[in-house]
Amino acid sequence: MRSAILNITFDSTDPQRLAAFWSQVTRHPASFHDVPGNPFWTVGGEGGVRLVFVRDPEAKTTKNRLHLDLVPQDGSQAAELARLQSLGAHIQDDRRTKSPGGWVILTDPENNEFCLESD
């Protein structure tokens, strides 16, 4: 027996806004699910893991213990970094010229960390 990952869930103060950001990052559509008592947004999931965004009124206060690693698909790391910043991501630590390195640590609009790996 084994388990499969269904969702990667983000607690969020504004799930719609965060789902819109990650929809633009991944270029997968965001969908609203109006489940009584548990409304949520999803991104992706077409044959793979989906990102889920649920409302949580508590603000994020510490470093993530889990994060996503992204890799550019259609261009250079520099071009993808510029695109992510234009969507609202912020650089937390640029490790492209450091050792160990090669990646950039970013935050999304609710300060969740994620990495952009080299192309």
Protein backbone atom coordinates (compact mmCIF):
# COMPACT_ATOMS: atom_id res chain seq x y z
CA MET A 1 0.00 0.00 0.00
CA ARG A 2 1.11 3.56 -0.62
CA SER A 3 -0.24 7.08 -0.53
CA ALA A 4 -0.21 9.64 -3.31
CA ILE A 5 -0.01 13.40 -2.88
CA LEU A 6 -3.32 14.96 -3.89
CA ASN A 7 -2.81 18.59 -2.85
CA ILE A 8 -0.23 21.05 -1.65
CA THR A 9 -2.33 23.35 0.53
CA PHE A 10 -1.61 26.99 1.35
CA ASP A 11 -3.26 28.64 4.33
CA SER A 12 -4.02 32.16 3.17
CA THR A 13 -5.60 35.39 4.34
CA ASP A 14 -6.77 35.99 0.74
CA PRO A 15 -7.06 32.63 -1.08
CA GLN A 16 -8.45 34.13 -4.29
CA ARG A 17 -5.53 36.55 -4.64
CA LEU A 18 -2.95 33.87 -3.86
CA ALA A 19 -4.57 31.41 -6.27
CA ALA A 20 -4.49 34.11 -8.98
CA PHE A 21 -0.76 34.65 -8.37
CA TRP A 22 0.07 30.93 -8.57
CA SER A 23 -2.22 30.54 -11.60
CA GLN A 24 -0.12 33.13 -13.40
CA VAL A 25 3.13 31.52 -12.21
CA THR A 26 2.17 28.03 -13.40
CA ARG A 27 -0.11 29.09 -16.27
CA HIS A 28 -2.77 26.69 -14.97
CA PRO A 29 -6.29 28.00 -14.39
CA ALA A 30 -7.56 28.84 -10.91
CA SER A 31 -10.93 27.41 -9.90
CA PHE A 32 -13.23 28.25 -7.00
CA HIS A 33 -14.89 25.37 -5.10
CA ASP A 34 -17.86 26.46 -3.00
CA VAL A 35 -17.98 23.57 -0.54
CA PRO A 36 -20.31 24.45 2.36
CA GLY A 37 -18.18 25.28 5.38
CA ASN A 38 -14.95 24.88 3.41
CA PRO A 39 -14.74 27.09 0.30
CA PHE A 40 -11.36 26.95 -1.43
CA TRP A 41 -9.47 27.74 -4.64
CA THR A 42 -7.36 25.34 -6.69
CA VAL A 43 -4.66 25.70 -9.34
CA GLY A 44 -3.63 22.80 -11.56
CA GLY A 45 -4.45 19.21 -10.84
CA GLU A 46 -5.01 18.09 -14.43
CA GLY A 47 -3.34 14.72 -13.95
CA GLY A 48 -0.94 16.02 -11.32
CA VAL A 49 -0.72 17.55 -7.89
CA ARG A 50 -2.91 20.60 -7.43
CA LEU A 51 -2.26 23.67 -5.33
CA VAL A 52 -5.10 24.44 -2.91
CA PHE A 53 -5.72 27.77 -1.20
CA VAL A 54 -7.86 27.92 1.93
CA ARG A 55 -8.75 30.87 4.14
CA ASP A 56 -6.84 31.16 7.41
CA PRO A 57 -7.09 34.52 9.21
CA GLU A 58 -3.78 34.04 11.05
CA ALA A 59 -0.85 35.86 9.46
CA LYS A 60 2.26 33.89 8.50
CA THR A 61 4.91 34.48 11.17
CA THR A 62 7.75 32.00 10.58
CA LYS A 63 9.84 30.46 7.82
CA ASN A 64 8.19 27.76 5.70
CA ARG A 65 9.24 24.22 6.57
CA LEU A 66 8.19 23.15 3.07
CA HIS A 67 8.60 25.09 -0.16
CA LEU A 68 8.19 24.69 -3.91
CA ASP A 69 11.16 24.62 -6.30
CA LEU A 70 10.41 26.02 -9.75
CA VAL A 71 12.47 25.59 -12.91
CA PRO A 72 12.07 27.76 -16.04
CA GLN A 73 10.34 25.94 -18.89
CA ASP A 74 10.42 28.42 -21.78
CA GLY A 75 13.41 30.66 -21.21
CA SER A 76 16.27 31.62 -18.97
CA GLN A 77 16.31 31.86 -15.20
CA ALA A 78 16.82 35.63 -15.49
CA ALA A 79 13.78 36.04 -17.76
CA GLU A 80 11.62 33.90 -15.47
CA LEU A 81 12.82 35.84 -12.42
CA ALA A 82 11.76 39.10 -14.09
CA ARG A 83 8.35 37.58 -14.94
CA LEU A 84 7.81 36.33 -11.37
CA GLN A 85 8.71 39.74 -9.95
CA SER A 86 6.27 41.41 -12.34
CA LEU A 87 3.56 39.11 -10.92
CA GLY A 88 4.32 40.19 -7.34
CA ALA A 89 7.11 37.88 -6.15
CA HIS A 90 9.94 39.39 -4.09
CA ILE A 91 13.55 38.25 -3.87
CA GLN A 92 14.45 37.08 -0.38
CA ASP A 93 17.95 35.71 -1.16
CA ASP A 94 19.72 35.70 -4.53
CA ARG A 95 22.05 32.70 -4.50
CA ARG A 96 22.94 32.68 -8.20
CA THR A 97 26.56 33.66 -7.55
CA LYS A 98 26.99 32.10 -4.08
CA SER A 99 28.25 28.70 -3.04
CA PRO A 100 26.22 26.61 -2.65
CA GLY A 101 23.96 28.34 -5.06
CA GLY A 102 22.46 28.68 -8.47
CA TRP A 103 18.94 29.50 -7.28
CA VAL A 104 16.91 32.48 -6.10
CA ILE A 105 14.72 32.35 -2.99
CA LEU A 106 11.53 34.35 -3.52
CA THR A 107 8.32 35.03 -1.62
CA ASP A 108 4.79 35.12 -2.98
CA PRO A 109 2.29 37.88 -2.07
CA GLU A 110 1.68 36.28 1.36
CA ASN A 111 5.40 35.73 2.10
CA ASN A 112 5.49 31.99 1.37
CA GLU A 113 9.00 31.08 0.27
CA PHE A 114 9.75 29.30 -3.00
CA CYS A 115 12.88 28.82 -5.10
CA LEU A 116 13.62 29.48 -8.73
CA GLU A 117 16.28 27.03 -9.86
CA SER A 118 18.72 27.56 -12.72
CA ASP A 119 17.67 26.71 -16.25
